[in-house]
Protein backbone atom coordinates (compact mmCIF):
# COMPACT_ATOMS: atom_id res chain seq x y z
CA MET A 1 42.22 -0.76 -25.03
CA PRO A 2 45.60 -1.36 -23.65
CA GLU A 3 45.79 -3.41 -20.50
CA GLY A 4 45.53 -1.34 -17.26
CA LYS A 5 44.00 1.60 -18.93
CA ALA A 6 40.64 2.77 -17.41
CA GLU A 7 37.88 3.07 -20.00
CA TRP A 8 34.84 5.29 -20.10
CA LYS A 9 31.72 4.36 -22.02
CA LEU A 10 28.89 6.60 -23.20
CA LEU A 11 25.61 4.63 -23.20
CA VAL A 12 22.34 5.53 -24.83
CA ALA A 13 19.50 3.26 -24.25
CA GLY A 14 21.99 0.50 -23.17
CA ARG A 15 24.06 0.72 -26.41
CA VAL A 16 27.63 1.94 -26.30
CA VAL A 17 27.99 4.95 -28.59
CA GLN A 18 31.47 6.06 -27.58
CA GLU A 19 34.53 4.58 -25.82
CA LEU A 20 37.42 6.55 -24.63
CA PRO A 21 40.16 6.28 -21.99
CA ARG A 22 38.99 8.11 -18.84
CA HIS A 23 41.91 10.51 -18.88
CA ILE A 24 40.80 11.75 -22.34
CA VAL A 25 37.28 12.26 -20.93
CA MET A 26 38.59 14.10 -18.00
CA ARG A 27 40.99 16.37 -20.18
CA GLY A 28 37.95 17.14 -22.29
CA ALA A 29 35.63 17.96 -19.48
CA LEU A 30 38.52 20.42 -17.88
CA ASN A 31 39.23 22.03 -21.21
CA HIS A 32 35.47 22.72 -21.58
CA LEU A 33 35.36 24.19 -18.11
CA ALA A 34 38.37 26.35 -18.84
CA HIS A 35 36.67 27.53 -22.02
CA HIS A 36 33.50 28.65 -20.23
CA ARG A 37 35.52 30.30 -17.49
CA GLY A 38 37.35 32.32 -20.31
CA GLN A 39 33.87 33.30 -21.76
CA MET A 40 32.57 34.51 -18.31
CA THR A 41 35.82 36.58 -17.90
CA VAL A 42 35.35 38.28 -21.21
CA TYR A 43 31.68 39.01 -20.64
CA LEU A 44 32.25 40.44 -17.21
CA ARG A 45 35.19 42.75 -18.37
CA LEU A 46 32.93 43.94 -21.38
CA LEU A 47 30.23 44.89 -18.76
CA GLY A 48 32.79 46.70 -16.59
CA ALA A 49 32.54 44.30 -13.84
CA THR A 50 35.51 42.83 -12.02
CA VAL A 51 36.42 39.21 -12.49
CA PRO A 52 35.98 37.15 -9.23
CA ALA A 53 38.80 35.12 -7.87
CA ILE A 54 37.45 31.74 -8.82
CA TYR A 55 40.63 29.46 -8.91
CA GLY A 56 43.03 31.86 -7.23
CA PRO A 57 43.66 35.59 -7.68
CA SER A 58 42.28 37.55 -10.49
CA ALA A 59 44.19 40.37 -12.25
CA ASP A 60 41.29 42.54 -11.03
CA ASP A 61 42.18 41.96 -7.42
CA LYS A 62 43.81 44.86 -5.62
CA ASN A 63 46.35 42.44 -4.13
CA PHE A 64 47.22 40.79 -7.45
CA GLY A 65 50.90 40.68 -8.44
């Protein structure tokens, strides 16, 4: 790991099973969150429901755009 880079370790029973830079772990977590947000949007629209404004206005909001 280069000097100055923060590292994240996944431990199982005290053993390191994965090591990654923290920014890579955070990027993966945010990508995963965005994926599930997209899934929720699709399912809500298929059900005919409006998509809530979770992270700002939704295209379903009357005041959007």
